[in-house]
């Protein structure tokens, strides 16, 4: 699931996530899009990093009113965040809350069992 804007993270946790994401992007020299999944429990953990776009990109483009794939392409072609008038870090918090939930393929099969495994 994806929820935007962040609902329960402290400002310190948000800043730590930005710092971690920035360091990872710089270390792997990722230009464009990078998908990072975090878990916040007793501290911030990175559970997955993929140097690619994810299914969340269209959702976040709609919520932020920014064509993220197009912006990433401009960065790949040599533009900078400053050239594109993009701030580093987190964007301005919108006045709405948006939620993206997965739809599993078995929802399209009426009558099919919906358990993921059987014991």
N, C-alpha and C. Protein backbone atom coordinates (compact mmCIF):
# COMPACT_ATOMS: atom_id res chain seq x y z
N UNK A 1 0.84 -1.18 0.00
CA UNK A 1 0.00 0.00 0.00
C UNK A 1 0.88 1.23 0.00
N UNK A 2 0.33 2.30 -0.52
CA UNK A 2 1.01 3.59 -0.48
C UNK A 2 0.03 4.62 0.05
N UNK A 3 0.49 5.42 0.99
CA UNK A 3 -0.32 6.51 1.54
C UNK A 3 0.51 7.78 1.44
N UNK A 4 -0.09 8.82 0.91
CA UNK A 4 0.62 10.10 0.77
C UNK A 4 -0.34 11.22 1.11
N UNK A 5 0.06 12.16 1.95
CA UNK A 5 1.37 12.31 2.56
C UNK A 5 1.56 11.36 3.74
N UNK A 6 2.78 11.34 4.24
CA UNK A 6 3.11 10.49 5.39
C UNK A 6 2.16 10.79 6.54
N UNK A 7 1.74 9.75 7.24
CA UNK A 7 0.75 9.94 8.29
C UNK A 7 1.30 9.88 9.71
N UNK A 8 2.25 9.03 9.97
CA UNK A 8 2.66 8.81 11.36
C UNK A 8 4.16 8.90 11.60
N UNK A 9 4.89 9.43 10.68
CA UNK A 9 6.33 9.52 10.88
C UNK A 9 6.69 10.88 11.47
N UNK A 10 7.62 10.85 12.39
CA UNK A 10 8.09 12.11 12.98
C UNK A 10 8.93 12.87 11.94
N UNK A 11 9.15 14.13 12.20
CA UNK A 11 9.99 14.92 11.31
C UNK A 11 11.40 14.33 11.24
N UNK A 12 11.92 13.86 12.39
CA UNK A 12 13.25 13.23 12.40
C UNK A 12 13.28 11.98 11.54
N UNK A 13 12.24 11.15 11.60
CA UNK A 13 12.19 9.94 10.77
C UNK A 13 12.11 10.31 9.29
N UNK A 14 11.32 11.31 8.96
CA UNK A 14 11.21 11.75 7.57
C UNK A 14 12.56 12.25 7.05
N UNK A 15 13.25 13.04 7.86
CA UNK A 15 14.56 13.55 7.46
C UNK A 15 15.57 12.41 7.30
N UNK A 16 15.50 11.42 8.18
CA UNK A 16 16.40 10.27 8.07
C UNK A 16 16.15 9.50 6.78
N UNK A 17 14.89 9.33 6.42
CA UNK A 17 14.55 8.64 5.18
C UNK A 17 15.10 9.40 3.97
N UNK A 18 14.96 10.72 3.96
CA UNK A 18 15.50 11.53 2.87
C UNK A 18 17.02 11.38 2.81
N UNK A 19 17.68 11.43 3.97
CA UNK A 19 19.15 11.29 3.99
C UNK A 19 19.59 9.92 3.47
N UNK A 20 18.91 8.87 3.92
CA UNK A 20 19.25 7.52 3.47
C UNK A 20 19.03 7.38 1.96
N UNK A 21 17.89 7.84 1.47
CA UNK A 21 17.58 7.74 0.04
C UNK A 21 18.61 8.52 -0.78
N UNK A 22 18.98 9.69 -0.31
CA UNK A 22 19.97 10.51 -1.02
C UNK A 22 21.32 9.80 -1.07
N UNK A 23 21.75 9.24 0.06
CA UNK A 23 23.03 8.52 0.10
C UNK A 23 23.02 7.32 -0.83
N UNK A 24 21.92 6.56 -0.81
CA UNK A 24 21.84 5.39 -1.68
C UNK A 24 21.91 5.83 -3.14
N UNK A 25 21.14 6.83 -3.52
CA UNK A 25 21.15 7.32 -4.90
C UNK A 25 22.52 7.78 -5.34
N UNK A 26 23.24 8.46 -4.45
CA UNK A 26 24.58 8.94 -4.79
C UNK A 26 25.58 7.79 -4.88
N UNK A 27 25.46 6.81 -3.99
CA UNK A 27 26.42 5.69 -3.98
C UNK A 27 26.25 4.78 -5.19
N UNK A 28 25.01 4.58 -5.62
CA UNK A 28 24.80 3.72 -6.78
C UNK A 28 24.73 4.53 -8.07
N UNK A 29 24.99 5.82 -7.96
CA UNK A 29 24.93 6.78 -9.07
C UNK A 29 23.65 6.61 -9.89
N UNK A 30 22.55 6.56 -9.19
CA UNK A 30 21.25 6.43 -9.84
C UNK A 30 20.78 7.81 -10.30
N UNK A 31 20.48 7.93 -11.56
CA UNK A 31 19.93 9.16 -12.11
C UNK A 31 18.58 8.80 -12.71
N UNK A 32 17.56 9.53 -12.33
CA UNK A 32 16.21 9.21 -12.80
C UNK A 32 15.37 8.73 -11.64
N UNK A 33 14.85 7.52 -11.74
CA UNK A 33 13.99 6.99 -10.68
C UNK A 33 14.65 5.84 -9.95
N UNK A 34 14.29 5.76 -8.68
CA UNK A 34 14.78 4.68 -7.83
C UNK A 34 13.67 4.38 -6.84
N UNK A 35 13.32 3.13 -6.71
CA UNK A 35 12.27 2.70 -5.79
C UNK A 35 12.93 2.15 -4.53
N UNK A 36 12.66 2.79 -3.38
CA UNK A 36 13.20 2.32 -2.11
C UNK A 36 12.03 2.03 -1.19
N UNK A 37 12.05 0.86 -0.57
CA UNK A 37 11.03 0.52 0.40
C UNK A 37 11.65 0.57 1.80
N UNK A 38 11.01 1.31 2.67
CA UNK A 38 11.46 1.48 4.05
C UNK A 38 10.46 0.84 5.00
N UNK A 39 10.95 0.40 6.15
CA UNK A 39 10.12 0.02 7.28
C UNK A 39 10.63 0.84 8.46
N UNK A 40 9.70 1.44 9.18
CA UNK A 40 10.08 2.21 10.36
C UNK A 40 9.50 1.49 11.58
N UNK A 41 10.38 1.02 12.43
CA UNK A 41 9.97 0.36 13.67
C UNK A 41 10.71 1.06 14.80
N UNK A 42 11.66 0.38 15.42
CA UNK A 42 12.48 1.03 16.43
C UNK A 42 13.48 1.98 15.79
N UNK A 43 13.73 1.80 14.50
CA UNK A 43 14.57 2.69 13.70
C UNK A 43 14.13 2.56 12.25
N UNK A 44 14.81 3.27 11.34
CA UNK A 44 14.46 3.22 9.92
C UNK A 44 15.29 2.11 9.27
N UNK A 45 14.59 1.21 8.56
CA UNK A 45 15.25 0.11 7.85
C UNK A 45 14.94 0.21 6.36
N UNK A 46 15.94 -0.09 5.54
CA UNK A 46 15.73 -0.22 4.10
C UNK A 46 15.52 -1.70 3.83
N UNK A 47 14.40 -2.05 3.18
CA UNK A 47 14.17 -3.46 2.90
C UNK A 47 14.35 -3.81 1.43
N UNK A 48 14.33 -2.79 0.56
CA UNK A 48 14.51 -3.09 -0.87
C UNK A 48 14.85 -1.80 -1.60
N UNK A 49 15.75 -1.92 -2.59
CA UNK A 49 16.11 -0.81 -3.46
C UNK A 49 16.12 -1.33 -4.89
N UNK A 50 15.42 -0.65 -5.77
CA UNK A 50 15.41 -1.01 -7.18
C UNK A 50 15.66 0.24 -8.01
N UNK A 51 16.66 0.22 -8.90
CA UNK A 51 16.94 1.39 -9.74
C UNK A 51 16.00 1.41 -10.96
N UNK A 52 14.72 1.59 -10.66
CA UNK A 52 13.71 1.58 -11.72
C UNK A 52 12.46 2.26 -11.19
N UNK A 53 11.54 2.47 -12.08
CA UNK A 53 10.24 2.99 -11.69
C UNK A 53 9.39 1.86 -11.13
N UNK A 54 8.39 2.21 -10.36
CA UNK A 54 7.48 1.21 -9.82
C UNK A 54 6.05 1.57 -10.19
N UNK A 55 5.13 0.71 -9.82
CA UNK A 55 3.71 0.99 -10.10
C UNK A 55 3.20 2.17 -9.30
N UNK A 56 3.98 2.63 -8.34
CA UNK A 56 3.58 3.77 -7.53
C UNK A 56 3.81 5.09 -8.26
N UNK A 57 4.62 5.10 -9.30
CA UNK A 57 4.95 6.34 -10.01
C UNK A 57 3.70 7.03 -10.57
N UNK A 58 2.81 6.33 -11.28
CA UNK A 58 1.61 7.04 -11.78
C UNK A 58 0.74 7.59 -10.64
N UNK A 59 0.64 6.82 -9.56
CA UNK A 59 -0.11 7.27 -8.39
C UNK A 59 0.49 8.56 -7.82
N UNK A 60 1.80 8.55 -7.61
CA UNK A 60 2.45 9.73 -7.04
C UNK A 60 2.44 10.91 -8.02
N UNK A 61 2.50 10.63 -9.31
CA UNK A 61 2.40 11.71 -10.30
C UNK A 61 1.05 12.41 -10.18
N UNK A 62 0.01 11.62 -10.03
CA UNK A 62 -1.33 12.18 -9.92
C UNK A 62 -1.49 12.98 -8.62
N UNK A 63 -1.00 12.42 -7.52
CA UNK A 63 -1.15 13.08 -6.22
C UNK A 63 -0.34 14.37 -6.15
N UNK A 64 0.88 14.37 -6.69
CA UNK A 64 1.76 15.53 -6.59
C UNK A 64 1.60 16.52 -7.74
N UNK A 65 0.81 16.14 -8.73
CA UNK A 65 0.63 16.99 -9.92
C UNK A 65 1.95 17.24 -10.64
N UNK A 66 2.83 16.24 -10.61
CA UNK A 66 4.12 16.30 -11.32
C UNK A 66 4.24 15.04 -12.17
N UNK A 67 4.60 15.20 -13.43
CA UNK A 67 4.80 14.05 -14.32
C UNK A 67 6.17 13.47 -14.01
N UNK A 68 6.21 12.55 -13.05
CA UNK A 68 7.49 12.06 -12.53
C UNK A 68 8.32 11.31 -13.56
N UNK A 69 7.71 10.53 -14.44
CA UNK A 69 8.46 9.82 -15.47
C UNK A 69 9.13 10.82 -16.42
N UNK A 70 8.40 11.86 -16.75
CA UNK A 70 8.96 12.89 -17.64
C UNK A 70 10.10 13.64 -16.95
N UNK A 71 9.93 13.95 -15.67
CA UNK A 71 11.00 14.63 -14.92
C UNK A 71 12.23 13.73 -14.81
N UNK A 72 12.03 12.45 -14.54
CA UNK A 72 13.15 11.51 -14.45
C UNK A 72 13.90 11.43 -15.78
N UNK A 73 13.16 11.43 -16.86
CA UNK A 73 13.79 11.39 -18.19
C UNK A 73 14.65 12.62 -18.41
N UNK A 74 14.16 13.78 -17.99
CA UNK A 74 14.94 15.02 -18.12
C UNK A 74 16.24 14.93 -17.30
N UNK A 75 16.16 14.36 -16.11
CA UNK A 75 17.35 14.18 -15.29
C UNK A 75 18.34 13.23 -15.95
N UNK A 76 17.83 12.14 -16.51
CA UNK A 76 18.69 11.17 -17.21
C UNK A 76 19.39 11.84 -18.38
N UNK A 77 18.71 12.78 -19.02
CA UNK A 77 19.28 13.47 -20.19
C UNK A 77 20.21 14.62 -19.80
N UNK A 78 20.44 14.82 -18.50
CA UNK A 78 21.44 15.79 -18.08
C UNK A 78 20.95 17.02 -17.34
N UNK A 79 19.64 17.21 -17.24
CA UNK A 79 19.13 18.35 -16.48
C UNK A 79 19.41 18.11 -14.99
N UNK A 80 19.38 19.18 -14.22
CA UNK A 80 19.56 19.07 -12.77
C UNK A 80 18.23 19.37 -12.09
N UNK A 81 18.17 19.05 -10.80
CA UNK A 81 16.97 19.39 -10.03
C UNK A 81 16.70 20.89 -10.10
N UNK A 82 17.76 21.69 -10.04
CA UNK A 82 17.61 23.14 -10.13
C UNK A 82 17.06 23.55 -11.50
N UNK A 83 17.55 22.93 -12.57
CA UNK A 83 17.05 23.23 -13.92
C UNK A 83 15.55 23.00 -14.00
N UNK A 84 15.06 21.97 -13.30
CA UNK A 84 13.65 21.60 -13.35
C UNK A 84 12.84 22.25 -12.23
N UNK A 85 13.49 23.13 -11.46
CA UNK A 85 12.83 23.84 -10.36
C UNK A 85 12.25 22.86 -9.33
N UNK A 86 13.04 21.82 -9.04
CA UNK A 86 12.62 20.80 -8.06
C UNK A 86 13.47 20.91 -6.81
N UNK A 87 12.83 20.98 -5.65
CA UNK A 87 13.61 21.03 -4.41
C UNK A 87 14.14 19.64 -4.07
N UNK A 88 15.27 19.58 -3.41
CA UNK A 88 15.77 18.31 -2.88
C UNK A 88 14.94 17.97 -1.65
N UNK A 89 14.80 16.68 -1.34
CA UNK A 89 14.06 16.28 -0.16
C UNK A 89 12.59 16.09 -0.44
N UNK A 90 11.78 16.25 0.60
CA UNK A 90 10.35 16.03 0.49
C UNK A 90 9.66 17.20 -0.16
N UNK A 91 8.60 16.90 -0.89
CA UNK A 91 7.82 17.92 -1.57
C UNK A 91 6.86 18.58 -0.58
N UNK A 92 6.21 19.62 -1.02
CA UNK A 92 5.20 20.30 -0.21
C UNK A 92 4.07 19.32 0.08
N UNK A 93 3.60 19.30 1.31
CA UNK A 93 2.55 18.38 1.73
C UNK A 93 1.22 18.84 1.13
N UNK A 94 0.52 17.95 0.40
CA UNK A 94 -0.77 18.33 -0.18
C UNK A 94 -1.86 18.41 0.89
N UNK A 95 -2.98 18.99 0.54
CA UNK A 95 -4.07 19.12 1.51
C UNK A 95 -5.06 17.96 1.40
N UNK A 96 -4.69 16.90 0.72
CA UNK A 96 -5.51 15.70 0.62
C UNK A 96 -4.68 14.49 1.04
N UNK A 97 -5.36 13.41 1.37
CA UNK A 97 -4.68 12.14 1.66
C UNK A 97 -5.06 11.17 0.56
N UNK A 98 -4.07 10.57 -0.07
CA UNK A 98 -4.32 9.62 -1.14
C UNK A 98 -3.80 8.24 -0.73
N UNK A 99 -4.55 7.20 -1.09
CA UNK A 99 -4.19 5.83 -0.74
C UNK A 99 -4.24 4.97 -1.99
N UNK A 100 -3.18 4.17 -2.21
CA UNK A 100 -3.15 3.20 -3.31
C UNK A 100 -3.08 1.82 -2.67
N UNK A 101 -4.04 0.98 -2.99
CA UNK A 101 -4.06 -0.38 -2.45
C UNK A 101 -3.93 -1.37 -3.60
N UNK A 102 -3.25 -2.49 -3.36
CA UNK A 102 -3.10 -3.47 -4.43
C UNK A 102 -4.41 -4.17 -4.75
N UNK A 103 -4.55 -4.56 -6.00
CA UNK A 103 -5.68 -5.38 -6.43
C UNK A 103 -5.07 -6.68 -6.94
N UNK A 104 -5.36 -7.76 -6.26
CA UNK A 104 -4.78 -9.04 -6.64
C UNK A 104 -5.58 -9.65 -7.79
N UNK A 105 -4.92 -10.37 -8.65
CA UNK A 105 -5.55 -10.91 -9.86
C UNK A 105 -6.71 -11.83 -9.55
N UNK A 106 -6.69 -12.52 -8.39
CA UNK A 106 -7.79 -13.42 -8.12
C UNK A 106 -9.11 -12.68 -7.91
N UNK A 107 -9.07 -11.37 -7.73
CA UNK A 107 -10.30 -10.59 -7.61
C UNK A 107 -11.07 -10.57 -8.93
N UNK A 108 -10.38 -10.85 -10.02
CA UNK A 108 -11.00 -10.88 -11.34
C UNK A 108 -11.58 -12.25 -11.68
N UNK A 109 -11.44 -13.22 -10.79
CA UNK A 109 -11.89 -14.58 -11.04
C UNK A 109 -13.00 -14.94 -10.04
N UNK A 110 -14.24 -14.63 -10.38
CA UNK A 110 -15.34 -14.91 -9.44
C UNK A 110 -15.38 -16.38 -9.05
N UNK A 111 -15.52 -16.63 -7.76
CA UNK A 111 -15.62 -17.99 -7.26
C UNK A 111 -14.29 -18.65 -6.98
N UNK A 112 -13.19 -18.06 -7.40
CA UNK A 112 -11.87 -18.66 -7.15
C UNK A 112 -11.51 -18.46 -5.67
N UNK A 113 -10.79 -19.42 -5.09
CA UNK A 113 -10.38 -19.25 -3.69
C UNK A 113 -9.46 -18.04 -3.55
N UNK A 114 -9.64 -17.29 -2.49
CA UNK A 114 -8.85 -16.07 -2.30
C UNK A 114 -7.71 -16.24 -1.32
N UNK A 115 -7.48 -17.45 -0.83
CA UNK A 115 -6.33 -17.67 0.06
C UNK A 115 -5.06 -17.79 -0.78
N UNK A 116 -3.96 -17.28 -0.27
CA UNK A 116 -2.71 -17.33 -1.01
C UNK A 116 -2.00 -18.65 -0.87
N UNK A 117 -2.31 -19.40 0.16
CA UNK A 117 -1.73 -20.73 0.32
C UNK A 117 -2.72 -21.57 1.11
N UNK A 118 -2.55 -22.88 1.00
CA UNK A 118 -3.43 -23.77 1.73
C UNK A 118 -2.59 -24.67 2.62
N UNK A 119 -3.08 -24.93 3.81
CA UNK A 119 -2.36 -25.80 4.75
C UNK A 119 -3.25 -26.90 5.18
